[in-house]
Amino acid sequence: MPVISEQGYRDIQAALSDMDGARDWMASICGPHGLRVTRPERLKFHQSGTVLRSMSTTVGYVEYGTDVTVAVNGDSPLNCYSVSLPVIGQQELAAQGKLWVSDQDRGLIVSPQESQDLDIAGNCRKIHLAIPRSALQQVLQAMLQRPVDAPIVFQPDMDAVTGDQAAWWRMVKFLISEMERAGPQLAQFYLSSEFELTLLKGLLLSQPHNYSEQLASKSAPTPPHYLTRARQFIHDNAREPLTLEDIERAAGVSRFKLFEGFKQHFGCAPMGYVRKYRLECVRREILEDGSVRNISSAAMSWGISHLGRFSTEYKALFGESPSDTLKRAASKPAGKR
C-alpha cells in the first residue's frame, strides 16, 4: 500500500507473485505495457520507491525474480520515460532496430513513443526512475524558453562509467542512499522540488536526444580556445608525467586565468581534471580489455604513481574499488564488455 509521508511525498512498495498484478502495478507507475513471462510460477515481483512531490517522478528499485519481457506498443505509449540501471544482472532493449545491452555499467532509457521490447533477466535488480512525459517536456520548454511540439526521444543507452551520464547516475544513487538514511529535515531537502528539477535538467543535459543540439547552443558556452588547447594537451599526454607548468605552457595564458577557466567550464582545477581523466581511462581499460589483470600496472601506465591514493579516489568517483570493477569485467560473457 502507498504510504503518505509528512513531507508530502509517497513511499510505495509492492511484492506480487502473479503476472497480471505485477503488470498492473507497473502500469500504474509507467503506463500501459505488455508483460510476457516464460515461467509465471517463478515470478517474484518486488518494487519499492518514492514518488517525488513536485513533478511525480518515481525513484526506487524493481525486480521480477524470473526472466520477463516488457513490451511497449507505440500505439498505446507509456506515460513516462522509464530510466533504469541494473544493480545486479542484465537487461536488453530491442529498439530503433538495434539491441542495447544494459548492466551495472550501462543504463537504459525507454522512451514512450516507440514500439520496443525490454528483456529483463531473472537475477536483475535495478534502479528505476519513471519520469512523466509532461514533466520532462515542461522542464525542456523552460530551458529552451519556447514551446516544443515533437516528443523528446532519447538515445536508449546510458554510460554509467564515465562522463556526464555517469555523474547523473551517481546523483541518483546518492539521492536513493540519502532517502534511506536521512532524518526528516534532510529527507525534505532531498525530496524538494529543486532537487527533482535538478534530476530532470541533468538528464536532459547529459543524455543525447533530439533536442540536445538546441539545448547546447542555448545553455552551454563554448570553452575558449586556450581551454580547448589545454584539455587536448592533457588527453594527448595523460600517460606522461604532467605538471601544472606544462598545462600553462600549452594553454598560453597565466596560471590565474587557467584556474579560473577550468573551474568555470570543467568544474575543477587543472590537475584535478588530470586526475579525473586518468581514473576514467583506467576504468575504461579494465572494463573494455578482458586481459587486464594487474590493476597497479594499468594505473601506472596512465601516470598514476600513488597507488594508495588511487584506490581511494577511484572508489570516491565510481562508487566501487578497482578490484570490484575487475571482478565484474571478468565475469561478463565475451562480447558483452
C-alpha atoms as a PDB file:
ATOM      1  CA  MET A   1       0.000   0.000   0.000  1.00  0.00           C
ATOM      2  CA  PRO A   2       1.239   3.552  -0.683  1.00  0.00           C
ATOM      3  CA  VAL A   3       2.417   5.433   2.393  1.00  0.00           C
ATOM      4  CA  ILE A   4       1.849   9.190   2.640  1.00  0.00           C
ATOM      5  CA  SER A   5       4.687  10.921   4.480  1.00  0.00           C
ATOM      6  CA  GLU A   6       4.576  14.112   6.457  1.00  0.00           C
ATOM      7  CA  GLN A   7       6.728  15.754   3.788  1.00  0.00           C
ATOM      8  CA  GLY A   8       4.029  15.232   1.136  1.00  0.00           C
ATOM      9  CA  TYR A   9       5.800  12.581  -0.949  1.00  0.00           C
ATOM     10  CA  ARG A  10       4.561   8.982  -1.261  1.00  0.00           C
ATOM     11  CA  ASP A  11       6.589   5.898  -0.395  1.00  0.00           C
ATOM     12  CA  ILE A  12       5.290   2.951  -2.425  1.00  0.00           C
ATOM     13  CA  GLN A  13       6.111  -0.752  -2.416  1.00  0.00           C
ATOM     14  CA  ALA A  14       4.713  -3.997  -3.765  1.00  0.00           C
ATOM     15  CA  ALA A  15       5.501  -7.718  -3.517  1.00  0.00           C
ATOM     16  CA  LEU A  16       3.500  -9.773  -6.020  1.00  0.00           C
ATOM     17  CA  SER A  17       3.676 -13.268  -7.465  1.00  0.00           C
ATOM     18  CA  ASP A  18       1.081 -13.031 -10.254  1.00  0.00           C
ATOM     19  CA  MET A  19       1.797 -11.674 -13.731  1.00  0.00           C
ATOM     20  CA  ASP A  20      -1.340  -9.534 -14.025  1.00  0.00           C
ATOM     21  CA  GLY A  21      -0.723  -7.950 -10.643  1.00  0.00           C
ATOM     22  CA  ALA A  22       2.892  -7.097 -11.496  1.00  0.00           C
ATOM     23  CA  ARG A  23       1.910  -5.656 -14.875  1.00  0.00           C
ATOM     24  CA  ASP A  24      -0.947  -3.600 -13.438  1.00  0.00           C
ATOM     25  CA  TRP A  25       1.236  -2.259 -10.628  1.00  0.00           C
ATOM     26  CA  MET A  26       3.960  -1.065 -13.016  1.00  0.00           C
ATOM     27  CA  ALA A  27       1.289   0.231 -15.416  1.00  0.00           C
ATOM     28  CA  SER A  28       0.072   2.489 -12.603  1.00  0.00           C
ATOM     29  CA  ILE A  29       3.611   3.926 -12.441  1.00  0.00           C
ATOM     30  CA  CYS A  30       4.736   3.964 -16.087  1.00  0.00           C
ATOM     31  CA  GLY A  31       1.624   3.496 -18.192  1.00  0.00           C
ATOM     32  CA  PRO A  32       0.194   0.656 -20.323  1.00  0.00           C
ATOM     33  CA  HIS A  33       2.516  -2.148 -21.437  1.00  0.00           C
ATOM     34  CA  GLY A  34       2.571  -5.874 -22.005  1.00  0.00           C
ATOM     35  CA  LEU A  35       4.339  -8.401 -19.791  1.00  0.00           C
ATOM     36  CA  ARG A  36       5.476 -11.809 -21.034  1.00  0.00           C
ATOM     37  CA  VAL A  37       6.735 -14.367 -18.528  1.00  0.00           C
ATOM     38  CA  THR A  38       8.166 -17.737 -19.605  1.00  0.00           C
ATOM     39  CA  ARG A  39       7.875 -19.292 -16.138  1.00  0.00           C
ATOM     40  CA  PRO A  40       4.972 -17.494 -14.376  1.00  0.00           C
ATOM     41  CA  GLU A  41       5.234 -19.773 -11.346  1.00  0.00           C
ATOM     42  CA  ARG A  42       8.680 -18.319 -10.618  1.00  0.00           C
ATOM     43  CA  LEU A  43       7.582 -14.682 -10.687  1.00  0.00           C
ATOM     44  CA  LYS A  44       8.521 -12.800  -7.514  1.00  0.00           C
ATOM     45  CA  PHE A  45       7.969  -9.150  -8.342  1.00  0.00           C
ATOM     46  CA  HIS A  46       9.258  -6.514  -5.917  1.00  0.00           C
ATOM     47  CA  GLN A  47       9.076  -2.756  -6.309  1.00  0.00           C
ATOM     48  CA  SER A  48       9.926  -0.097  -3.767  1.00  0.00           C
ATOM     49  CA  GLY A  49      10.273   3.593  -4.308  1.00  0.00           C
ATOM     50  CA  THR A  50       9.302   7.157  -3.610  1.00  0.00           C
ATOM     51  CA  VAL A  51       7.097   9.425  -5.706  1.00  0.00           C
ATOM     52  CA  LEU A  52       8.696  12.866  -5.567  1.00  0.00           C
ATOM     53  CA  ARG A  53       6.159  15.511  -4.752  1.00  0.00           C
ATOM     54  CA  SER A  54       6.648  18.245  -7.341  1.00  0.00           C
ATOM     55  CA  MET A  55       6.533  16.507 -10.739  1.00  0.00           C
ATOM     56  CA  SER A  56       5.638  12.940  -9.640  1.00  0.00           C
ATOM     57  CA  THR A  57       8.929  11.326 -10.626  1.00  0.00           C
ATOM     58  CA  THR A  58       9.179   7.840  -9.119  1.00  0.00           C
ATOM     59  CA  VAL A  59      12.601   6.717  -7.884  1.00  0.00           C
ATOM     60  CA  GLY A  60      13.336   3.269  -6.471  1.00  0.00           C
ATOM     61  CA  TYR A  61      14.134  -0.393  -7.210  1.00  0.00           C
ATOM     62  CA  VAL A  62      12.414  -3.053  -9.340  1.00  0.00           C
ATOM     63  CA  GLU A  63      12.986  -6.810  -9.754  1.00  0.00           C
ATOM     64  CA  TYR A  64      10.857  -9.611 -11.211  1.00  0.00           C
ATOM     65  CA  GLY A  65      12.634 -12.734  -9.931  1.00  0.00           C
ATOM     66  CA  THR A  66      12.394 -14.549 -13.286  1.00  0.00           C
ATOM     67  CA  ASP A  67      13.036 -13.786 -16.961  1.00  0.00           C
ATOM     68  CA  VAL A  68      10.390 -11.390 -18.300  1.00  0.00           C
ATOM     69  CA  THR A  69       9.796  -9.252 -21.361  1.00  0.00           C
ATOM     70  CA  VAL A  70       8.205  -5.815 -21.020  1.00  0.00           C
ATOM     71  CA  ALA A  71       6.547  -4.931 -24.338  1.00  0.00           C
ATOM     72  CA  VAL A  72       5.771  -1.318 -25.201  1.00  0.00           C
ATOM     73  CA  ASN A  73       3.322  -0.636 -28.025  1.00  0.00           C
ATOM     74  CA  GLY A  74       3.776   2.613 -29.905  1.00  0.00           C
ATOM     75  CA  ASP A  75       0.014   2.814 -30.468  1.00  0.00           C
ATOM     76  CA  SER A  76      -0.532   2.784 -26.683  1.00  0.00           C
ATOM     77  CA  PRO A  77       2.539   4.640 -25.367  1.00  0.00           C
ATOM     78  CA  LEU A  78       3.857   4.807 -21.828  1.00  0.00           C
ATOM     79  CA  ASN A  79       3.015   7.794 -19.661  1.00  0.00           C
ATOM     80  CA  CYS A  80       6.628   8.095 -18.536  1.00  0.00           C
ATOM     81  CA  TYR A  81      10.231   7.849 -19.596  1.00  0.00           C
ATOM     82  CA  SER A  82      11.461   4.656 -17.940  1.00  0.00           C
ATOM     83  CA  VAL A  83      15.108   5.039 -16.915  1.00  0.00           C
ATOM     84  CA  SER A  84      16.931   2.106 -15.312  1.00  0.00           C
ATOM     85  CA  LEU A  85      20.341   0.793 -14.281  1.00  0.00           C
ATOM     86  CA  PRO A  86      20.883  -2.784 -13.017  1.00  0.00           C
ATOM     87  CA  VAL A  87      22.451  -3.191  -9.591  1.00  0.00           C
ATOM     88  CA  ILE A  88      22.953  -6.854 -10.453  1.00  0.00           C
ATOM     89  CA  GLY A  89      22.100  -8.860 -13.562  1.00  0.00           C
ATOM     90  CA  GLN A  90      21.363  -7.685 -17.093  1.00  0.00           C
ATOM     91  CA  GLN A  91      18.591  -6.443 -19.343  1.00  0.00           C
ATOM     92  CA  GLU A  92      18.379  -5.987 -23.124  1.00  0.00           C
ATOM     93  CA  LEU A  93      16.314  -3.467 -25.062  1.00  0.00           C
ATOM     94  CA  ALA A  94      15.245  -4.052 -28.664  1.00  0.00           C
ATOM     95  CA  ALA A  95      14.532  -0.550 -30.003  1.00  0.00           C
ATOM     96  CA  GLN A  96      15.217   1.578 -33.074  1.00  0.00           C
ATOM     97  CA  GLY A  97      16.248  -1.552 -34.986  1.00  0.00           C
ATOM     98  CA  LYS A  98      19.085  -2.306 -32.538  1.00  0.00           C
ATOM     99  CA  LEU A  99      19.757  -4.358 -29.417  1.00  0.00           C
ATOM    100  CA  TRP A 100      21.036  -2.462 -26.382  1.00  0.00           C
ATOM    101  CA  VAL A 101      22.619  -4.452 -23.520  1.00  0.00           C
ATOM    102  CA  SER A 102      22.398  -2.968 -20.031  1.00  0.00           C
ATOM    103  CA  ASP A 103      24.263  -3.932 -16.853  1.00  0.00           C
ATOM    104  CA  GLN A 104      25.903  -2.092 -13.954  1.00  0.00           C
ATOM    105  CA  ASP A 105      27.935  -0.021 -16.413  1.00  0.00           C
ATOM    106  CA  ARG A 106      25.204   0.883 -18.907  1.00  0.00           C
ATOM    107  CA  GLY A 107      21.740   2.181 -18.152  1.00  0.00           C
ATOM    108  CA  LEU A 108      18.713   2.320 -20.441  1.00  0.00           C
ATOM    109  CA  ILE A 109      16.003   4.811 -21.297  1.00  0.00           C
ATOM    110  CA  VAL A 110      12.717   3.527 -22.697  1.00  0.00           C
ATOM    111  CA  SER A 111      11.174   6.493 -24.499  1.00  0.00           C
ATOM    112  CA  PRO A 112       7.368   6.188 -24.523  1.00  0.00           C
ATOM    113  CA  GLN A 113       6.565   6.800 -28.182  1.00  0.00           C
ATOM    114  CA  GLU A 114       8.069   3.725 -29.875  1.00  0.00           C
ATOM    115  CA  SER A 115       7.281   0.010 -30.023  1.00  0.00           C
ATOM    116  CA  GLN A 116      10.064  -1.841 -28.194  1.00  0.00           C
ATOM    117  CA  ASP A 117      10.787  -4.916 -26.082  1.00  0.00           C
ATOM    118  CA  LEU A 118      12.765  -4.932 -22.851  1.00  0.00           C
ATOM    119  CA  ASP A 119      14.078  -8.374 -21.804  1.00  0.00           C
ATOM    120  CA  ILE A 120      14.930  -8.466 -18.081  1.00  0.00           C
ATOM    121  CA  ALA A 121      16.959 -11.384 -16.680  1.00  0.00           C
ATOM    122  CA  GLY A 122      15.591 -13.197 -13.655  1.00  0.00           C
ATOM    123  CA  ASN A 123      18.507 -12.151 -11.439  1.00  0.00           C
ATOM    124  CA  CYS A 124      18.244  -8.473 -12.428  1.00  0.00           C
ATOM    125  CA  ARG A 125      17.582  -5.949  -9.682  1.00  0.00           C
ATOM    126  CA  LYS A 126      17.672  -2.405 -10.959  1.00  0.00           C
ATOM    127  CA  ILE A 127      17.404   1.227 -10.014  1.00  0.00           C
ATOM    128  CA  HIS A 128      14.332   2.573 -11.775  1.00  0.00           C
ATOM    129  CA  LEU A 129      13.036   6.078 -12.428  1.00  0.00           C
ATOM    130  CA  ALA A 130       9.682   6.836 -14.047  1.00  0.00           C
ATOM    131  CA  ILE A 131       9.631  10.447 -15.255  1.00  0.00           C
ATOM    132  CA  PRO A 132       6.250  11.723 -16.534  1.00  0.00           C
ATOM    133  CA  ARG A 133       6.324  12.868 -20.160  1.00  0.00           C
ATOM    134  CA  SER A 134       4.570  16.116 -19.311  1.00  0.00           C
ATOM    135  CA  ALA A 135       7.084  16.924 -16.551  1.00  0.00           C
ATOM    136  CA  LEU A 136      10.112  16.410 -18.792  1.00  0.00           C
ATOM    137  CA  GLN A 137       8.527  18.429 -21.590  1.00  0.00           C
ATOM    138  CA  GLN A 138       7.764  21.236 -19.144  1.00  0.00           C
ATOM    139  CA  VAL A 139      11.384  21.345 -17.949  1.00  0.00           C
ATOM    140  CA  LEU A 140      12.706  21.276 -21.528  1.00  0.00           C
ATOM    141  CA  GLN A 141      10.445  24.155 -22.555  1.00  0.00           C
ATOM    142  CA  ALA A 142      11.662  26.220 -19.609  1.00  0.00           C
ATOM    143  CA  MET A 143      15.290  25.515 -20.556  1.00  0.00           C
ATOM    144  CA  LEU A 144      14.717  26.395 -24.232  1.00  0.00           C
ATOM    145  CA  GLN A 145      12.384  29.270 -23.323  1.00  0.00           C
ATOM    146  CA  ARG A 146       9.903  28.241 -26.018  1.00  0.00           C
ATOM    147  CA  PRO A 147       7.234  25.578 -26.622  1.00  0.00           C
ATOM    148  CA  VAL A 148       8.254  22.190 -28.050  1.00  0.00           C
ATOM    149  CA  ASP A 149       5.975  20.196 -30.327  1.00  0.00           C
ATOM    150  CA  ALA A 150       7.768  16.936 -31.117  1.00  0.00           C
ATOM    151  CA  PRO A 151       8.181  14.358 -28.315  1.00  0.00           C
ATOM    152  CA  ILE A 152      11.575  14.010 -26.651  1.00  0.00           C
ATOM    153  CA  VAL A 153      13.316  10.878 -27.975  1.00  0.00           C
ATOM    154  CA  PHE A 154      16.444   9.792 -26.109  1.00  0.00           C
ATOM    155  CA  GLN A 155      19.323   7.648 -27.269  1.00  0.00           C
ATOM    156  CA  PRO A 156      18.457   4.416 -25.411  1.00  0.00           C
ATOM    157  CA  ASP A 157      21.790   3.516 -23.768  1.00  0.00           C
ATOM    158  CA  MET A 158      23.432   5.500 -20.958  1.00  0.00           C
ATOM    159  CA  ASP A 159      27.101   5.321 -19.961  1.00  0.00           C
ATOM    160  CA  ALA A 160      27.196   4.777 -16.190  1.00  0.00           C
ATOM    161  CA  VAL A 161      31.009   4.678 -16.050  1.00  0.00           C
ATOM    162  CA  THR A 162      32.387   7.948 -17.406  1.00  0.00           C
ATOM    163  CA  GLY A 163      31.327  11.438 -18.359  1.00  0.00           C
ATOM    164  CA  ASP A 164      28.201  13.447 -17.652  1.00  0.00           C
ATOM    165  CA  GLN A 165      25.828  10.462 -17.819  1.00  0.00           C
ATOM    166  CA  ALA A 166      27.836   8.653 -15.125  1.00  0.00           C
ATOM    167  CA  ALA A 167      27.731  11.801 -12.987  1.00  0.00           C
ATOM    168  CA  TRP A 168      23.930  11.811 -13.347  1.00  0.00           C
ATOM    169  CA  TRP A 169      23.715   8.201 -12.196  1.00  0.00           C
ATOM    170  CA  ARG A 170      25.928   8.980  -9.199  1.00  0.00           C
ATOM    171  CA  MET A 171      23.492  11.744  -8.273  1.00  0.00           C
ATOM    172  CA  VAL A 172      20.569   9.285  -8.493  1.00  0.00           C
ATOM    173  CA  LYS A 173      22.406   6.755  -6.304  1.00  0.00           C
ATOM    174  CA  PHE A 174      23.223   9.498  -3.806  1.00  0.00           C
ATOM    175  CA  LEU A 175      19.567  10.549  -3.689  1.00  0.00           C
ATOM    176  CA  ILE A 176      18.384   6.976  -3.051  1.00  0.00           C
ATOM    177  CA  SER A 177      21.042   6.412  -0.399  1.00  0.00           C
ATOM    178  CA  GLU A 178      20.198   9.628   1.432  1.00  0.00           C
ATOM    179  CA  MET A 179      16.446   8.965   1.255  1.00  0.00           C
ATOM    180  CA  GLU A 180      17.082   5.685   3.046  1.00  0.00           C
ATOM    181  CA  ARG A 181      19.204   7.123   5.841  1.00  0.00           C
ATOM    182  CA  ALA A 182      18.379  10.833   6.216  1.00  0.00           C
ATOM    183  CA  GLY A 183      16.280  12.276   9.038  1.00  0.00           C
ATOM    184  CA  PRO A 184      13.047  14.193   8.393  1.00  0.00           C
ATOM    185  CA  GLN A 185      14.674  17.562   7.745  1.00  0.00           C
ATOM    186  CA  LEU A 186      17.280  16.271   5.306  1.00  0.00           C
ATOM    187  CA  ALA A 187      14.727  13.989   3.646  1.00  0.00           C
ATOM    188  CA  GLN A 188      12.571  17.040   2.990  1.00  0.00           C
ATOM    189  CA  PHE A 189      15.549  18.750   1.318  1.00  0.00           C
ATOM    190  CA  TYR A 190      16.440  15.793  -0.904  1.00  0.00           C
ATOM    191  CA  LEU A 191      12.824  15.361  -1.952  1.00  0.00           C
ATOM    192  CA  SER A 192      12.247  19.051  -2.579  1.00  0.00           C
ATOM    193  CA  SER A 193      11.121  20.376  -5.937  1.00  0.00           C
ATOM    194  CA  GLU A 194      14.572  21.900  -6.527  1.00  0.00           C
ATOM    195  CA  PHE A 195      16.283  18.539  -6.225  1.00  0.00           C
ATOM    196  CA  GLU A 196      13.757  16.869  -8.527  1.00  0.00           C
ATOM    197  CA  LEU A 197      14.211  19.669 -11.046  1.00  0.00           C
ATOM    198  CA  THR A 198      17.988  19.129 -10.909  1.00  0.00           C
ATOM    199  CA  LEU A 199      17.476  15.448 -11.761  1.00  0.00           C
ATOM    200  CA  LEU A 200      15.360  16.220 -14.804  1.00  0.00           C
ATOM    201  CA  LYS A 201      17.604  19.015 -16.035  1.00  0.00           C
ATOM    202  CA  GLY A 202      20.639  16.814 -15.560  1.00  0.00           C
ATOM    203  CA  LEU A 203      19.105  14.043 -17.660  1.00  0.00           C
ATOM    204  CA  LEU A 204      18.241  16.448 -20.474  1.00  0.00           C
ATOM    205  CA  LEU A 205      21.749  17.917 -20.464  1.00  0.00           C
ATOM    206  CA  SER A 206      23.724  14.670 -20.129  1.00  0.00           C
ATOM    207  CA  GLN A 207      21.838  12.149 -22.295  1.00  0.00           C
ATOM    208  CA  PRO A 208      21.652  12.674 -26.100  1.00  0.00           C
ATOM    209  CA  HIS A 209      18.181  13.280 -27.525  1.00  0.00           C
ATOM    210  CA  ASN A 210      16.537  15.088 -30.428  1.00  0.00           C
ATOM    211  CA  TYR A 211      16.756  18.484 -28.679  1.00  0.00           C
ATOM    212  CA  SER A 212      20.364  18.163 -27.443  1.00  0.00           C
ATOM    213  CA  GLU A 213      21.904  20.472 -30.041  1.00  0.00           C
ATOM    214  CA  GLN A 214      19.343  23.183 -29.330  1.00  0.00           C
ATOM    215  CA  LEU A 215      19.994  22.894 -25.584  1.00  0.00           C
ATOM    216  CA  ALA A 216      23.748  23.010 -26.095  1.00  0.00           C
ATOM    217  CA  SER A 217      23.561  26.184 -28.171  1.00  0.00           C
ATOM    218  CA  LYS A 218      21.178  27.728 -25.657  1.00  0.00           C
ATOM    219  CA  SER A 219      22.811  26.910 -22.345  1.00  0.00           C
ATOM    220  CA  ALA A 220      26.401  25.767 -22.721  1.00  0.00           C
ATOM    221  CA  PRO A 221      29.022  28.402 -23.504  1.00  0.00           C
ATOM    222  CA  THR A 222      31.839  27.081 -25.666  1.00  0.00           C
ATOM    223  CA  PRO A 223      35.152  26.889 -23.781  1.00  0.00           C
ATOM    224  CA  PRO A 224      37.664  29.459 -25.043  1.00  0.00           C
ATOM    225  CA  HIS A 225      40.456  28.278 -27.310  1.00  0.00           C
ATOM    226  CA  TYR A 226      43.075  28.265 -24.572  1.00  0.00           C
ATOM    227  CA  LEU A 227      40.991  25.787 -22.544  1.00  0.00           C
ATOM    228  CA  THR A 228      40.418  23.597 -25.593  1.00  0.00           C
ATOM    229  CA  ARG A 229      44.180  23.536 -26.165  1.00  0.00           C
ATOM    230  CA  ALA A 230      44.857  22.717 -22.513  1.00  0.00           C
ATOM    231  CA  ARG A 231      42.266  19.936 -22.407  1.00  0.00           C
ATOM    232  CA  GLN A 232      43.552  18.347 -25.623  1.00  0.00           C
ATOM    233  CA  PHE A 233      47.112  18.554 -24.311  1.00  0.00           C
ATOM    234  CA  ILE A 234      46.038  16.660 -21.177  1.00  0.00           C
ATOM    235  CA  HIS A 235      44.230  13.985 -23.198  1.00  0.00           C
ATOM    236  CA  ASP A 236      47.202  13.530 -25.552  1.00  0.00           C
ATOM    237  CA  ASN A 237      49.769  13.320 -22.755  1.00  0.00           C
ATOM    238  CA  ALA A 238      47.872  11.733 -19.865  1.00  0.00           C
ATOM    239  CA  ARG A 239      50.262   8.757 -19.780  1.00  0.00           C
ATOM    240  CA  GLU A 240      53.239  11.072 -19.325  1.00  0.00           C
ATOM    241  CA  PRO A 241      54.363  12.960 -16.184  1.00  0.00           C
ATOM    242  CA  LEU A 242      52.390  16.217 -16.286  1.00  0.00           C
ATOM    243  CA  THR A 243      52.886  19.372 -14.261  1.00  0.00           C
ATOM    244  CA  LEU A 244      50.829  22.499 -13.903  1.00  0.00           C
ATOM    245  CA  GLU A 245      53.581  24.390 -15.730  1.00  0.00           C
ATOM    246  CA  ASP A 246      53.219  22.026 -18.726  1.00  0.00           C
ATOM    247  CA  ILE A 247      49.499  22.775 -18.939  1.00  0.00           C
ATOM    248  CA  GLU A 248      50.128  26.516 -18.565  1.00  0.00           C
ATOM    249  CA  ARG A 249      52.541  26.466 -21.491  1.00  0.00           C
ATOM    250  CA  ALA A 250      50.103  24.502 -23.648  1.00  0.00           C
ATOM    251  CA  ALA A 251      47.289  26.948 -22.846  1.00  0.00           C
ATOM    252  CA  GLY A 252      49.450  30.045 -23.304  1.00  0.00           C
ATOM    253  CA  VAL A 253      47.761  32.013 -20.502  1.00  0.00           C
ATOM    254  CA  SER A 254      48.511  32.972 -16.915  1.00  0.00           C
ATOM    255  CA  ARG A 255      48.008  30.497 -14.087  1.00  0.00           C
ATOM    256  CA  PHE A 256      45.206  32.612 -12.633  1.00  0.00           C
ATOM    257  CA  LYS A 257      43.304  32.656 -15.936  1.00  0.00           C
ATOM    258  CA  LEU A 258      43.889  28.923 -16.401  1.00  0.00           C
ATOM    259  CA  PHE A 259      42.463  28.094 -12.950  1.00  0.00           C
ATOM    260  CA  GLU A 260      39.523  30.426 -13.481  1.00  0.00           C
ATOM    261  CA  GLY A 261      38.691  28.844 -16.853  1.00  0.00           C
ATOM    262  CA  PHE A 262      38.942  25.256 -15.631  1.00  0.00           C
ATOM    263  CA  LYS A 263      36.724  25.984 -12.632  1.00  0.00           C
ATOM    264  CA  GLN A 264      34.093  27.714 -14.761  1.00  0.00           C
ATOM    265  CA  HIS A 265      33.930  25.237 -17.645  1.00  0.00           C
ATOM    266  CA  PHE A 266      35.112  21.908 -16.204  1.00  0.00           C
ATOM    267  CA  GLY A 267      34.250  22.293 -12.521  1.00  0.00           C
ATOM    268  CA  CYS A 268      37.731  21.579 -11.152  1.00  0.00           C
ATOM    269  CA  ALA A 269      41.347  22.767 -11.099  1.00  0.00           C
ATOM    270  CA  PRO A 270      43.674  21.738 -13.961  1.00  0.00           C
ATOM    271  CA  MET A 271      45.477  18.995 -12.024  1.00  0.00           C
ATOM    272  CA  GLY A 272      42.135  17.799 -10.647  1.00  0.00           C
ATOM    273  CA  TYR A 273      40.999  17.386 -14.247  1.00  0.00           C
ATOM    274  CA  VAL A 274      44.157  15.384 -14.992  1.00  0.00           C
ATOM    275  CA  ARG A 275      43.497  13.023 -12.058  1.00  0.00           C
ATOM    276  CA  LYS A 276      39.828  12.509 -13.008  1.00  0.00           C
ATOM    277  CA  TYR A 277      40.677  11.857 -16.672  1.00  0.00           C
ATOM    278  CA  ARG A 278      43.338   9.306 -15.730  1.00  0.00           C
ATOM    279  CA  LEU A 279      40.926   7.489 -13.389  1.00  0.00           C
ATOM    280  CA  GLU A 280      38.306   7.319 -16.146  1.00  0.00           C
ATOM    281  CA  CYS A 281      40.906   5.943 -18.581  1.00  0.00           C
ATOM    282  CA  VAL A 282      41.987   3.229 -16.138  1.00  0.00           C
ATOM    283  CA  ARG A 283      38.372   2.220 -15.529  1.00  0.00           C
ATOM    284  CA  ARG A 284      37.646   2.098 -19.250  1.00  0.00           C
ATOM    285  CA  GLU A 285      40.719  -0.059 -19.803  1.00  0.00           C
ATOM    286  CA  ILE A 286      39.680  -2.513 -17.071  1.00  0.00           C
ATOM    287  CA  LEU A 287      36.138  -2.785 -18.439  1.00  0.00           C
ATOM    288  CA  GLU A 288      36.979  -2.998 -22.130  1.00  0.00           C
ATOM    289  CA  ASP A 289      40.142  -5.111 -22.061  1.00  0.00           C
ATOM    290  CA  GLY A 290      39.495  -8.554 -20.631  1.00  0.00           C
ATOM    291  CA  SER A 291      43.241  -9.180 -20.478  1.00  0.00           C
ATOM    292  CA  VAL A 292      43.795  -6.537 -17.794  1.00  0.00           C
ATOM    293  CA  ARG A 293      44.715  -8.432 -14.642  1.00  0.00           C
ATOM    294  CA  ASN A 294      47.184  -6.139 -12.870  1.00  0.00           C
ATOM    295  CA  ILE A 295      45.382  -3.015 -11.735  1.00  0.00           C
ATOM    296  CA  SER A 296      48.553  -1.391 -10.411  1.00  0.00           C
ATOM    297  CA  SER A 297      50.252  -1.731 -13.797  1.00  0.00           C
ATOM    298  CA  ALA A 298      47.212  -0.296 -15.568  1.00  0.00           C
ATOM    299  CA  ALA A 299      47.151   2.674 -13.190  1.00  0.00           C
ATOM    300  CA  MET A 300      50.870   3.328 -13.504  1.00  0.00           C
ATOM    301  CA  SER A 301      50.634   3.173 -17.305  1.00  0.00           C
ATOM    302  CA  TRP A 302      48.290   6.176 -17.040  1.00  0.00           C
ATOM    303  CA  GLY A 303      50.750   8.207 -14.991  1.00  0.00           C
ATOM    304  CA  ILE A 304      49.312   7.324 -11.562  1.00  0.00           C
ATOM    305  CA  SER A 305      52.151   6.677  -9.123  1.00  0.00           C
ATOM    306  CA  HIS A 306      50.491   6.939  -5.683  1.00  0.00           C
ATOM    307  CA  LEU A 307      48.532   3.659  -5.649  1.00  0.00           C
ATOM    308  CA  GLY A 308      47.006   4.085  -2.180  1.00  0.00           C
ATOM    309  CA  ARG A 309      45.543   7.441  -3.131  1.00  0.00           C
ATOM    310  CA  PHE A 310      44.493   5.949  -6.492  1.00  0.00           C
ATOM    311  CA  SER A 311      42.250   3.342  -4.814  1.00  0.00           C
ATOM    312  CA  THR A 312      40.668   5.943  -2.533  1.00  0.00           C
ATOM    313  CA  GLU A 313      39.983   8.440  -5.331  1.00  0.00           C
ATOM    314  CA  TYR A 314      38.743   5.677  -7.651  1.00  0.00           C
ATOM    315  CA  LYS A 315      36.170   4.470  -5.133  1.00  0.00           C
ATOM    316  CA  ALA A 316      35.066   8.035  -4.348  1.00  0.00           C
ATOM    317  CA  LEU A 317      34.489   8.734  -8.054  1.00  0.00           C
ATOM    318  CA  PHE A 318      32.920   5.453  -9.188  1.00  0.00           C
ATOM    319  CA  GLY A 319      31.389   4.022  -6.013  1.00  0.00           C
ATOM    320  CA  GLU A 320      33.388   0.782  -6.081  1.00  0.00           C
ATOM    321  CA  SER A 321      37.002  -0.320  -5.687  1.00  0.00           C
ATOM    322  CA  PRO A 322      39.216  -1.058  -8.728  1.00  0.00           C
ATOM    323  CA  SER A 323      39.257  -4.749  -7.784  1.00  0.00           C
ATOM    324  CA  ASP A 324      35.434  -4.821  -7.752  1.00  0.00           C
ATOM    325  CA  THR A 325      35.418  -3.350 -11.275  1.00  0.00           C
ATOM    326  CA  LEU A 326      37.899  -6.004 -12.405  1.00  0.00           C
ATOM    327  CA  LYS A 327      35.793  -8.815 -10.920  1.00  0.00           C
ATOM    328  CA  ARG A 328      32.688  -7.598 -12.717  1.00  0.00           C
ATOM    329  CA  ALA A 329      34.561  -7.177 -16.017  1.00  0.00           C
ATOM    330  CA  ALA A 330      35.978 -10.706 -15.724  1.00  0.00           C
ATOM    331  CA  SER A 331      32.521 -12.178 -15.011  1.00  0.00           C
ATOM    332  CA  LYS A 332      30.900 -10.711 -18.143  1.00  0.00           C
ATOM    333  CA  PRO A 333      30.413 -13.060 -21.122  1.00  0.00           C
ATOM    334  CA  ALA A 334      32.739 -12.454 -24.044  1.00  0.00           C
ATOM    335  CA  GLY A 335      31.395  -9.819 -26.415  1.00  0.00           C
ATOM    336  CA  LYS A 336      29.337  -8.026 -23.739  1.00  0.00           C
ATOM    337  CA  ARG A 337      32.071  -5.948 -22.139  1.00  0.00           C
END
